[in-house]
Amino acid sequence: MEDFVRKTLLYDFYGELLTKHQQAIYEAVVLNDSGYSEVASEEGISRQGVHDLIRRCDRQLEEYESKLFLVEKFLRIRRDVRQIQETAVEKGVPEIARMAGELLTKL
């Protein structure tokens, strides 16, 4: 899985477990693609401090996933629902294909 997509999913599932300060910096750097120097000057910390905080957050989010597996379960469910939708289309069962499509939009 692409690194950015993985980080985004991990943050979506576990970001609320980070402190507000960690959330603000992580969102600025990872999600909004701001530079370390830019965020450092806005937050009044060093560029190295921003870098270290991002690395700690990444490790923390990965640790949560290694214990809870929420991202893994989400991806498996999404894959399974897509397969149900494809099978329903192949078998000519439009109602099930429609329902699977609705589920996919909610995921």
PDB file of N, CA and C in Angstrom:
ATOM      1  N   MET A   1       0.857  -1.176   0.000  1.00  0.00           N
ATOM      2  CA  MET A   1       0.000   0.000   0.000  1.00  0.00           C
ATOM      3  C   MET A   1       0.902   1.238   0.000  1.00  0.00           C
ATOM      4  N   GLU A   2       0.510   2.215  -0.771  1.00  0.00           N
ATOM      5  CA  GLU A   2       1.275   3.460  -0.835  1.00  0.00           C
ATOM      6  C   GLU A   2       1.402   4.073   0.559  1.00  0.00           C
ATOM      7  N   ASP A   3       2.578   4.607   0.850  1.00  0.00           N
ATOM      8  CA  ASP A   3       2.884   5.143   2.174  1.00  0.00           C
ATOM      9  C   ASP A   3       1.895   6.232   2.596  1.00  0.00           C
ATOM     10  N   PHE A   4       1.585   7.163   1.696  1.00  0.00           N
ATOM     11  CA  PHE A   4       0.662   8.249   2.037  1.00  0.00           C
ATOM     12  C   PHE A   4      -0.726   7.709   2.374  1.00  0.00           C
ATOM     13  N   VAL A   5      -1.195   6.749   1.589  1.00  0.00           N
ATOM     14  CA  VAL A   5      -2.524   6.177   1.834  1.00  0.00           C
ATOM     15  C   VAL A   5      -2.545   5.469   3.183  1.00  0.00           C
ATOM     16  N   ARG A   6      -1.492   4.720   3.474  1.00  0.00           N
ATOM     17  CA  ARG A   6      -1.427   4.025   4.759  1.00  0.00           C
ATOM     18  C   ARG A   6      -1.428   5.024   5.914  1.00  0.00           C
ATOM     19  N   LYS A   7      -0.598   6.068   5.816  1.00  0.00           N
ATOM     20  CA  LYS A   7      -0.554   7.067   6.879  1.00  0.00           C
ATOM     21  C   LYS A   7      -1.908   7.747   7.057  1.00  0.00           C
ATOM     22  N   THR A   8      -2.576   8.017   5.952  1.00  0.00           N
ATOM     23  CA  THR A   8      -3.896   8.648   6.016  1.00  0.00           C
ATOM     24  C   THR A   8      -4.901   7.737   6.713  1.00  0.00           C
ATOM     25  N   LEU A   9      -4.907   6.464   6.342  1.00  0.00           N
ATOM     26  CA  LEU A   9      -5.823   5.522   6.990  1.00  0.00           C
ATOM     27  C   LEU A   9      -5.510   5.374   8.475  1.00  0.00           C
ATOM     28  N   LEU A  10      -4.238   5.237   8.805  1.00  0.00           N
ATOM     29  CA  LEU A  10      -3.870   5.124  10.220  1.00  0.00           C
ATOM     30  C   LEU A  10      -4.324   6.361  10.991  1.00  0.00           C
ATOM     31  N   TYR A  11      -4.137   7.532  10.403  1.00  0.00           N
ATOM     32  CA  TYR A  11      -4.556   8.752  11.077  1.00  0.00           C
ATOM     33  C   TYR A  11      -6.080   8.826  11.196  1.00  0.00           C
ATOM     34  N   ASP A  12      -6.775   8.405  10.152  1.00  0.00           N
ATOM     35  CA  ASP A  12      -8.246   8.407  10.211  1.00  0.00           C
ATOM     36  C   ASP A  12      -8.754   7.541  11.356  1.00  0.00           C
ATOM     37  N   PHE A  13      -8.135   6.388  11.544  1.00  0.00           N
ATOM     38  CA  PHE A  13      -8.605   5.463  12.572  1.00  0.00           C
ATOM     39  C   PHE A  13      -8.092   5.803  13.968  1.00  0.00           C
ATOM     40  N   TYR A  14      -6.865   6.268  14.072  1.00  0.00           N
ATOM     41  CA  TYR A  14      -6.240   6.435  15.389  1.00  0.00           C
ATOM     42  C   TYR A  14      -5.800   7.856  15.721  1.00  0.00           C
ATOM     43  N   GLY A  15      -5.997   8.796  14.836  1.00  0.00           N
ATOM     44  CA  GLY A  15      -5.524  10.159  15.053  1.00  0.00           C
ATOM     45  C   GLY A  15      -6.056  10.807  16.316  1.00  0.00           C
ATOM     46  N   GLU A  16      -7.261  10.484  16.694  1.00  0.00           N
ATOM     47  CA  GLU A  16      -7.854  11.067  17.903  1.00  0.00           C
ATOM     48  C   GLU A  16      -7.117  10.641  19.170  1.00  0.00           C
ATOM     49  N   LEU A  17      -6.299   9.608  19.064  1.00  0.00           N
ATOM     50  CA  LEU A  17      -5.543   9.146  20.222  1.00  0.00           C
ATOM     51  C   LEU A  17      -4.248   9.936  20.416  1.00  0.00           C
ATOM     52  N   LEU A  18      -3.899  10.753  19.444  1.00  0.00           N
ATOM     53  CA  LEU A  18      -2.743  11.639  19.567  1.00  0.00           C
ATOM     54  C   LEU A  18      -3.160  12.905  20.315  1.00  0.00           C
ATOM     55  N   THR A  19      -2.183  13.612  20.866  1.00  0.00           N
ATOM     56  CA  THR A  19      -2.501  14.885  21.525  1.00  0.00           C
ATOM     57  C   THR A  19      -2.899  15.911  20.463  1.00  0.00           C
ATOM     58  N   LYS A  20      -3.538  16.982  20.879  1.00  0.00           N
ATOM     59  CA  LYS A  20      -3.945  18.037  19.940  1.00  0.00           C
ATOM     60  C   LYS A  20      -2.713  18.623  19.233  1.00  0.00           C
ATOM     61  N   HIS A  21      -1.633  18.798  19.963  1.00  0.00           N
ATOM     62  CA  HIS A  21      -0.391  19.319  19.387  1.00  0.00           C
ATOM     63  C   HIS A  21       0.134  18.358  18.311  1.00  0.00           C
ATOM     64  N   GLN A  22       0.165  17.069  18.632  1.00  0.00           N
ATOM     65  CA  GLN A  22       0.611  16.068  17.659  1.00  0.00           C
ATOM     66  C   GLN A  22      -0.304  16.064  16.439  1.00  0.00           C
ATOM     67  N   GLN A  23      -1.603  16.128  16.669  1.00  0.00           N
ATOM     68  CA  GLN A  23      -2.568  16.137  15.563  1.00  0.00           C
ATOM     69  C   GLN A  23      -2.321  17.318  14.633  1.00  0.00           C
ATOM     70  N   ALA A  24      -2.136  18.501  15.203  1.00  0.00           N
ATOM     71  CA  ALA A  24      -1.961  19.716  14.390  1.00  0.00           C
ATOM     72  C   ALA A  24      -0.716  19.601  13.514  1.00  0.00           C
ATOM     73  N   ILE A  25       0.368  19.160  14.091  1.00  0.00           N
ATOM     74  CA  ILE A  25       1.613  19.060  13.329  1.00  0.00           C
ATOM     75  C   ILE A  25       1.538  17.923  12.318  1.00  0.00           C
ATOM     76  N   TYR A  26       0.995  16.800  12.713  1.00  0.00           N
ATOM     77  CA  TYR A  26       0.884  15.654  11.798  1.00  0.00           C
ATOM     78  C   TYR A  26      -0.001  16.012  10.605  1.00  0.00           C
ATOM     79  N   GLU A  27      -1.116  16.647  10.872  1.00  0.00           N
ATOM     80  CA  GLU A  27      -2.006  17.060   9.779  1.00  0.00           C
ATOM     81  C   GLU A  27      -1.309  18.030   8.841  1.00  0.00           C
ATOM     82  N   ALA A  28      -0.594  18.996   9.405  1.00  0.00           N
ATOM     83  CA  ALA A  28       0.086  19.988   8.569  1.00  0.00           C
ATOM     84  C   ALA A  28       1.133  19.336   7.673  1.00  0.00           C
ATOM     85  N   VAL A  29       1.954  18.465   8.239  1.00  0.00           N
ATOM     86  CA  VAL A  29       3.054  17.866   7.475  1.00  0.00           C
ATOM     87  C   VAL A  29       2.577  16.736   6.577  1.00  0.00           C
ATOM     88  N   VAL A  30       1.859  15.784   7.133  1.00  0.00           N
ATOM     89  CA  VAL A  30       1.522  14.569   6.384  1.00  0.00           C
ATOM     90  C   VAL A  30       0.299  14.770   5.493  1.00  0.00           C
ATOM     91  N   LEU A  31      -0.746  15.339   6.028  1.00  0.00           N
ATOM     92  CA  LEU A  31      -1.985  15.436   5.268  1.00  0.00           C
ATOM     93  C   LEU A  31      -2.033  16.672   4.369  1.00  0.00           C
ATOM     94  N   ASN A  32      -1.449  17.788   4.826  1.00  0.00           N
ATOM     95  CA  ASN A  32      -1.506  19.025   4.042  1.00  0.00           C
ATOM     96  C   ASN A  32      -0.216  19.308   3.293  1.00  0.00           C
ATOM     97  N   ASP A  33       0.762  18.423   3.436  1.00  0.00           N
ATOM     98  CA  ASP A  33       2.029  18.491   2.696  1.00  0.00           C
ATOM     99  C   ASP A  33       2.801  19.794   2.938  1.00  0.00           C
ATOM    100  N   SER A  34       2.712  20.330   4.154  1.00  0.00           N
ATOM    101  CA  SER A  34       3.514  21.504   4.506  1.00  0.00           C
ATOM    102  C   SER A  34       4.936  21.047   4.818  1.00  0.00           C
ATOM    103  N   GLY A  35       5.884  21.916   4.621  1.00  0.00           N
ATOM    104  CA  GLY A  35       7.278  21.586   4.889  1.00  0.00           C
ATOM    105  C   GLY A  35       7.594  21.627   6.373  1.00  0.00           C
ATOM    106  N   TYR A  36       8.618  20.875   6.758  1.00  0.00           N
ATOM    107  CA  TYR A  36       9.039  20.851   8.166  1.00  0.00           C
ATOM    108  C   TYR A  36       9.417  22.249   8.650  1.00  0.00           C
ATOM    109  N   SER A  37      10.157  22.988   7.834  1.00  0.00           N
ATOM    110  CA  SER A  37      10.593  24.328   8.230  1.00  0.00           C
ATOM    111  C   SER A  37       9.406  25.260   8.423  1.00  0.00           C
ATOM    112  N   GLU A  38       8.444  25.168   7.523  1.00  0.00           N
ATOM    113  CA  GLU A  38       7.245  26.014   7.617  1.00  0.00           C
ATOM    114  C   GLU A  38       6.478  25.726   8.901  1.00  0.00           C
ATOM    115  N   VAL A  39       6.263  24.453   9.184  1.00  0.00           N
ATOM    116  CA  VAL A  39       5.522  24.064  10.388  1.00  0.00           C
ATOM    117  C   VAL A  39       6.319  24.430  11.637  1.00  0.00           C
ATOM    118  N   ALA A  40       7.630  24.241  11.572  1.00  0.00           N
ATOM    119  CA  ALA A  40       8.484  24.575  12.717  1.00  0.00           C
ATOM    120  C   ALA A  40       8.359  26.048  13.080  1.00  0.00           C
ATOM    121  N   SER A  41       8.389  26.914  12.085  1.00  0.00           N
ATOM    122  CA  SER A  41       8.296  28.342  12.386  1.00  0.00           C
ATOM    123  C   SER A  41       6.903  28.709  12.898  1.00  0.00           C
ATOM    124  N   GLU A  42       5.871  28.084  12.367  1.00  0.00           N
ATOM    125  CA  GLU A  42       4.507  28.359  12.831  1.00  0.00           C
ATOM    126  C   GLU A  42       4.299  27.882  14.267  1.00  0.00           C
ATOM    127  N   GLU A  43       4.917  26.746  14.614  1.00  0.00           N
ATOM    128  CA  GLU A  43       4.721  26.158  15.939  1.00  0.00           C
ATOM    129  C   GLU A  43       5.756  26.616  16.962  1.00  0.00           C
ATOM    130  N   GLY A  44       6.775  27.335  16.495  1.00  0.00           N
ATOM    131  CA  GLY A  44       7.799  27.814  17.407  1.00  0.00           C
ATOM    132  C   GLY A  44       8.727  26.720  17.917  1.00  0.00           C
ATOM    133  N   ILE A  45       8.964  25.708  17.091  1.00  0.00           N
ATOM    134  CA  ILE A  45       9.877  24.626  17.448  1.00  0.00           C
ATOM    135  C   ILE A  45      10.884  24.453  16.314  1.00  0.00           C
ATOM    136  N   SER A  46      11.867  23.613  16.540  1.00  0.00           N
ATOM    137  CA  SER A  46      12.889  23.406  15.515  1.00  0.00           C
ATOM    138  C   SER A  46      12.373  22.474  14.412  1.00  0.00           C
ATOM    139  N   ARG A  47      13.034  22.552  13.271  1.00  0.00           N
ATOM    140  CA  ARG A  47      12.716  21.654  12.154  1.00  0.00           C
ATOM    141  C   ARG A  47      12.930  20.207  12.594  1.00  0.00           C
ATOM    142  N   GLN A  48      14.009  19.981  13.347  1.00  0.00           N
ATOM    143  CA  GLN A  48      14.299  18.635  13.855  1.00  0.00           C
ATOM    144  C   GLN A  48      13.200  18.176  14.812  1.00  0.00           C
ATOM    145  N   GLY A  49      12.653  19.103  15.591  1.00  0.00           N
ATOM    146  CA  GLY A  49      11.553  18.766  16.498  1.00  0.00           C
ATOM    147  C   GLY A  49      10.324  18.297  15.739  1.00  0.00           C
ATOM    148  N   VAL A  50      10.040  18.955  14.628  1.00  0.00           N
ATOM    149  CA  VAL A  50       8.906  18.540  13.790  1.00  0.00           C
ATOM    150  C   VAL A  50       9.179  17.151  13.224  1.00  0.00           C
ATOM    151  N   HIS A  51      10.371  16.958  12.710  1.00  0.00           N
ATOM    152  CA  HIS A  51      10.749  15.659  12.146  1.00  0.00           C
ATOM    153  C   HIS A  51      10.603  14.543  13.181  1.00  0.00           C
ATOM    154  N   ASP A  52      11.126  14.774  14.377  1.00  0.00           N
ATOM    155  CA  ASP A  52      11.055  13.765  15.441  1.00  0.00           C
ATOM    156  C   ASP A  52       9.609  13.491  15.840  1.00  0.00           C
ATOM    157  N   LEU A  53       8.797  14.542  15.918  1.00  0.00           N
ATOM    158  CA  LEU A  53       7.395  14.361  16.296  1.00  0.00           C
ATOM    159  C   LEU A  53       6.663  13.514  15.249  1.00  0.00           C
ATOM    160  N   ILE A  54       6.921  13.760  13.975  1.00  0.00           N
ATOM    161  CA  ILE A  54       6.268  12.978  12.916  1.00  0.00           C
ATOM    162  C   ILE A  54       6.673  11.522  13.018  1.00  0.00           C
ATOM    163  N   ARG A  55       7.945  11.263  13.249  1.00  0.00           N
ATOM    164  CA  ARG A  55       8.415   9.875  13.383  1.00  0.00           C
ATOM    165  C   ARG A  55       7.771   9.197  14.586  1.00  0.00           C
ATOM    166  N   ARG A  56       7.684   9.908  15.716  1.00  0.00           N
ATOM    167  CA  ARG A  56       7.042   9.329  16.909  1.00  0.00           C
ATOM    168  C   ARG A  56       5.570   9.044  16.654  1.00  0.00           C
ATOM    169  N   CYS A  57       4.889   9.967  15.984  1.00  0.00           N
ATOM    170  CA  CYS A  57       3.471   9.765  15.662  1.00  0.00           C
ATOM    171  C   CYS A  57       3.297   8.560  14.748  1.00  0.00           C
ATOM    172  N   ASP A  58       4.133   8.462  13.720  1.00  0.00           N
ATOM    173  CA  ASP A  58       4.052   7.312  12.816  1.00  0.00           C
ATOM    174  C   ASP A  58       4.212   6.004  13.592  1.00  0.00           C
ATOM    175  N   ARG A  59       5.202   5.970  14.475  1.00  0.00           N
ATOM    176  CA  ARG A  59       5.429   4.760  15.283  1.00  0.00           C
ATOM    177  C   ARG A  59       4.230   4.464  16.175  1.00  0.00           C
ATOM    178  N   GLN A  60       3.704   5.503  16.787  1.00  0.00           N
ATOM    179  CA  GLN A  60       2.562   5.338  17.690  1.00  0.00           C
ATOM    180  C   GLN A  60       1.337   4.825  16.923  1.00  0.00           C
ATOM    181  N   LEU A  61       1.064   5.406  15.759  1.00  0.00           N
ATOM    182  CA  LEU A  61      -0.083   4.968  14.958  1.00  0.00           C
ATOM    183  C   LEU A  61       0.100   3.516  14.501  1.00  0.00           C
ATOM    184  N   GLU A  62       1.312   3.155  14.114  1.00  0.00           N
ATOM    185  CA  GLU A  62       1.588   1.763  13.721  1.00  0.00           C
ATOM    186  C   GLU A  62       1.414   0.810  14.900  1.00  0.00           C
ATOM    187  N   GLU A  63       1.807   1.246  16.092  1.00  0.00           N
ATOM    188  CA  GLU A  63       1.626   0.411  17.287  1.00  0.00           C
ATOM    189  C   GLU A  63       0.147   0.164  17.569  1.00  0.00           C
ATOM    190  N   TYR A  64      -0.666   1.207  17.433  1.00  0.00           N
ATOM    191  CA  TYR A  64      -2.107   1.022  17.620  1.00  0.00           C
ATOM    192  C   TYR A  64      -2.638  -0.009  16.628  1.00  0.00           C
ATOM    193  N   GLU A  65      -2.218   0.111  15.377  1.00  0.00           N
ATOM    194  CA  GLU A  65      -2.690  -0.826  14.347  1.00  0.00           C
ATOM    195  C   GLU A  65      -2.213  -2.248  14.651  1.00  0.00           C
ATOM    196  N   SER A  66      -1.007  -2.396  15.165  1.00  0.00           N
ATOM    197  CA  SER A  66      -0.487  -3.741  15.458  1.00  0.00           C
ATOM    198  C   SER A  66      -1.262  -4.409  16.590  1.00  0.00           C
ATOM    199  N   LYS A  67      -1.950  -3.622  17.379  1.00  0.00           N
ATOM    200  CA  LYS A  67      -2.750  -4.185  18.476  1.00  0.00           C
ATOM    201  C   LYS A  67      -4.230  -4.312  18.137  1.00  0.00           C
ATOM    202  N   LEU A  68      -4.744  -3.383  17.349  1.00  0.00           N
ATOM    203  CA  LEU A  68      -6.186  -3.339  17.098  1.00  0.00           C
ATOM    204  C   LEU A  68      -6.605  -3.805  15.701  1.00  0.00           C
ATOM    205  N   PHE A  69      -5.737  -3.698  14.722  1.00  0.00           N
ATOM    206  CA  PHE A  69      -5.982  -4.156  13.347  1.00  0.00           C
ATOM    207  C   PHE A  69      -7.209  -3.531  12.686  1.00  0.00           C
ATOM    208  N   LEU A  70      -7.557  -2.309  13.046  1.00  0.00           N
ATOM    209  CA  LEU A  70      -8.750  -1.673  12.472  1.00  0.00           C
ATOM    210  C   LEU A  70      -8.587  -1.363  10.986  1.00  0.00           C
ATOM    211  N   VAL A  71      -7.409  -0.898  10.585  1.00  0.00           N
ATOM    212  CA  VAL A  71      -7.172  -0.597   9.167  1.00  0.00           C
ATOM    213  C   VAL A  71      -7.197  -1.882   8.360  1.00  0.00           C
ATOM    214  N   GLU A  72      -6.534  -2.905   8.868  1.00  0.00           N
ATOM    215  CA  GLU A  72      -6.526  -4.201   8.175  1.00  0.00           C
ATOM    216  C   GLU A  72      -7.947  -4.749   7.998  1.00  0.00           C
ATOM    217  N   LYS A  73      -8.743  -4.678   9.042  1.00  0.00           N
ATOM    218  CA  LYS A  73     -10.127  -5.159   8.964  1.00  0.00           C
ATOM    219  C   LYS A  73     -10.944  -4.328   7.976  1.00  0.00           C
ATOM    220  N   PHE A  74     -10.758  -3.001   8.019  1.00  0.00           N
ATOM    221  CA  PHE A  74     -11.462  -2.116   7.094  1.00  0.00           C
ATOM    222  C   PHE A  74     -11.132  -2.460   5.647  1.00  0.00           C
ATOM    223  N   LEU A  75      -9.845  -2.634   5.352  1.00  0.00           N
ATOM    224  CA  LEU A  75      -9.436  -2.948   3.981  1.00  0.00           C
ATOM    225  C   LEU A  75      -9.965  -4.299   3.526  1.00  0.00           C
ATOM    226  N   ARG A  76      -9.985  -5.260   4.432  1.00  0.00           N
ATOM    227  CA  ARG A  76     -10.514  -6.599   4.098  1.00  0.00           C
ATOM    228  C   ARG A  76     -12.017  -6.522   3.819  1.00  0.00           C
ATOM    229  N   ILE A  77     -12.744  -5.802   4.640  1.00  0.00           N
ATOM    230  CA  ILE A  77     -14.194  -5.670   4.436  1.00  0.00           C
ATOM    231  C   ILE A  77     -14.475  -4.968   3.116  1.00  0.00           C
ATOM    232  N   ARG A  78     -13.746  -3.891   2.834  1.00  0.00           N
ATOM    233  CA  ARG A  78     -13.937  -3.169   1.576  1.00  0.00           C
ATOM    234  C   ARG A  78     -13.648  -4.065   0.378  1.00  0.00           C
ATOM    235  N   ARG A  79     -12.582  -4.853   0.453  1.00  0.00           N
ATOM    236  CA  ARG A  79     -12.241  -5.781  -0.630  1.00  0.00           C
ATOM    237  C   ARG A  79     -13.347  -6.830  -0.806  1.00  0.00           C
ATOM    238  N   ASP A  80     -13.840  -7.368   0.298  1.00  0.00           N
ATOM    239  CA  ASP A  80     -14.895  -8.386   0.235  1.00  0.00           C
ATOM    240  C   ASP A  80     -16.193  -7.833  -0.344  1.00  0.00           C
ATOM    241  N   VAL A  81     -16.556  -6.623   0.034  1.00  0.00           N
ATOM    242  CA  VAL A  81     -17.785  -6.015  -0.494  1.00  0.00           C
ATOM    243  C   VAL A  81     -17.641  -5.752  -1.985  1.00  0.00           C
ATOM    244  N   ARG A  82     -16.445  -5.314  -2.422  1.00  0.00           N
ATOM    245  CA  ARG A  82     -16.214  -5.133  -3.862  1.00  0.00           C
ATOM    246  C   ARG A  82     -16.365  -6.451  -4.608  1.00  0.00           C
ATOM    247  N   GLN A  83     -15.850  -7.518  -4.015  1.00  0.00           N
ATOM    248  CA  GLN A  83     -15.968  -8.832  -4.658  1.00  0.00           C
ATOM    249  C   GLN A  83     -17.440  -9.267  -4.729  1.00  0.00           C
ATOM    250  N   ILE A  84     -18.195  -8.995  -3.683  1.00  0.00           N
ATOM    251  CA  ILE A  84     -19.630  -9.312  -3.701  1.00  0.00           C
ATOM    252  C   ILE A  84     -20.309  -8.530  -4.815  1.00  0.00           C
ATOM    253  N   GLN A  85     -19.965  -7.252  -4.933  1.00  0.00           N
ATOM    254  CA  GLN A  85     -20.560  -6.424  -5.977  1.00  0.00           C
ATOM    255  C   GLN A  85     -20.226  -6.969  -7.365  1.00  0.00           C
ATOM    256  N   GLU A  86     -18.963  -7.309  -7.598  1.00  0.00           N
ATOM    257  CA  GLU A  86     -18.547  -7.841  -8.896  1.00  0.00           C
ATOM    258  C   GLU A  86     -19.257  -9.161  -9.204  1.00  0.00           C
ATOM    259  N   THR A  87     -19.364 -10.033  -8.228  1.00  0.00           N
ATOM    260  CA  THR A  87     -20.035 -11.320  -8.416  1.00  0.00           C
ATOM    261  C   THR A  87     -21.513 -11.113  -8.711  1.00  0.00           C
ATOM    262  N   ALA A  88     -22.142 -10.184  -8.008  1.00  0.00           N
ATOM    263  CA  ALA A  88     -23.558  -9.899  -8.235  1.00  0.00           C
ATOM    264  C   ALA A  88     -23.785  -9.383  -9.653  1.00  0.00           C
ATOM    265  N   VAL A  89     -22.884  -8.535 -10.129  1.00  0.00           N
ATOM    266  CA  VAL A  89     -22.995  -8.029 -11.501  1.00  0.00           C
ATOM    267  C   VAL A  89     -22.834  -9.182 -12.484  1.00  0.00           C
ATOM    268  N   GLU A  90     -21.822 -10.031 -12.267  1.00  0.00           N
ATOM    269  CA  GLU A  90     -21.571 -11.172 -13.156  1.00  0.00           C
ATOM    270  C   GLU A  90     -22.757 -12.137 -13.186  1.00  0.00           C
ATOM    271  N   LYS A  91     -23.388 -12.342 -12.028  1.00  0.00           N
ATOM    272  CA  LYS A  91     -24.499 -13.300 -11.925  1.00  0.00           C
ATOM    273  C   LYS A  91     -25.842 -12.676 -12.270  1.00  0.00           C
ATOM    274  N   GLY A  92     -25.830 -11.386 -12.542  1.00  0.00           N
ATOM    275  CA  GLY A  92     -27.077 -10.717 -12.919  1.00  0.00           C
ATOM    276  C   GLY A  92     -28.031 -10.502 -11.760  1.00  0.00           C
ATOM    277  N   VAL A  93     -27.501 -10.110 -10.618  1.00  0.00           N
ATOM    278  CA  VAL A  93     -28.327  -9.834  -9.437  1.00  0.00           C
ATOM    279  C   VAL A  93     -28.148  -8.349  -9.092  1.00  0.00           C
ATOM    280  N   PRO A  94     -28.894  -7.481  -9.810  1.00  0.00           N
ATOM    281  CA  PRO A  94     -28.671  -6.040  -9.660  1.00  0.00           C
ATOM    282  C   PRO A  94     -28.962  -5.501  -8.266  1.00  0.00           C
ATOM    283  N   GLU A  95     -29.909  -6.089  -7.564  1.00  0.00           N
ATOM    284  CA  GLU A  95     -30.255  -5.590  -6.230  1.00  0.00           C
ATOM    285  C   GLU A  95     -29.070  -5.755  -5.270  1.00  0.00           C
ATOM    286  N   ILE A  96     -28.421  -6.890  -5.319  1.00  0.00           N
ATOM    287  CA  ILE A  96     -27.270  -7.114  -4.452  1.00  0.00           C
ATOM    288  C   ILE A  96     -26.108  -6.224  -4.891  1.00  0.00           C
ATOM    289  N   ALA A  97     -25.915  -6.056  -6.184  1.00  0.00           N
ATOM    290  CA  ALA A  97     -24.856  -5.183  -6.690  1.00  0.00           C
ATOM    291  C   ALA A  97     -25.088  -3.750  -6.222  1.00  0.00           C
ATOM    292  N   ARG A  98     -26.338  -3.303  -6.261  1.00  0.00           N
ATOM    293  CA  ARG A  98     -26.677  -1.953  -5.805  1.00  0.00           C
ATOM    294  C   ARG A  98     -26.409  -1.802  -4.314  1.00  0.00           C
ATOM    295  N   MET A  99     -26.840  -2.792  -3.536  1.00  0.00           N
ATOM    296  CA  MET A  99     -26.624  -2.745  -2.088  1.00  0.00           C
ATOM    297  C   MET A  99     -25.135  -2.728  -1.749  1.00  0.00           C
ATOM    298  N   ALA A 100     -24.352  -3.535  -2.454  1.00  0.00           N
ATOM    299  CA  ALA A 100     -22.906  -3.559  -2.226  1.00  0.00           C
ATOM    300  C   ALA A 100     -22.298  -2.207  -2.585  1.00  0.00           C
ATOM    301  N   GLY A 101     -22.773  -1.609  -3.667  1.00  0.00           N
ATOM    302  CA  GLY A 101     -22.296  -0.283  -4.054  1.00  0.00           C
ATOM    303  C   GLY A 101     -22.597   0.761  -2.990  1.00  0.00           C
ATOM    304  N   GLU A 102     -23.787   0.681  -2.416  1.00  0.00           N
ATOM    305  CA  GLU A 102     -24.152   1.607  -1.334  1.00  0.00           C
ATOM    306  C   GLU A 102     -23.248   1.420  -0.133  1.00  0.00           C
ATOM    307  N   LEU A 103     -22.963   0.160   0.187  1.00  0.00           N
ATOM    308  CA  LEU A 103     -22.055  -0.109   1.306  1.00  0.00           C
ATOM    309  C   LEU A 103     -20.671   0.469   1.038  1.00  0.00           C
ATOM    310  N   LEU A 104     -20.200   0.329  -0.185  1.00  0.00           N
ATOM    311  CA  LEU A 104     -18.872   0.858  -0.535  1.00  0.00           C
ATOM    312  C   LEU A 104     -18.799   2.371  -0.383  1.00  0.00           C
ATOM    313  N   THR A 105     -19.885   3.056  -0.728  1.00  0.00           N
ATOM    314  CA  THR A 105     -19.865   4.510  -0.577  1.00  0.00           C
ATOM    315  C   THR A 105     -19.872   4.919   0.899  1.00  0.00           C
ATOM    316  N   LYS A 106     -20.409   4.070   1.748  1.00  0.00           N
ATOM    317  CA  LYS A 106     -20.417   4.361   3.195  1.00  0.00           C
ATOM    318  C   LYS A 106     -19.095   4.041   3.851  1.00  0.00           C
ATOM    319  N   LEU A 107     -18.317   3.172   3.229  1.00  0.00           N
ATOM    320  CA  LEU A 107     -17.010   2.819   3.815  1.00  0.00           C
ATOM    321  C   LEU A 107     -16.041   3.886   3.542  1.00  0.00           C
TER     322      LEU A 107
END
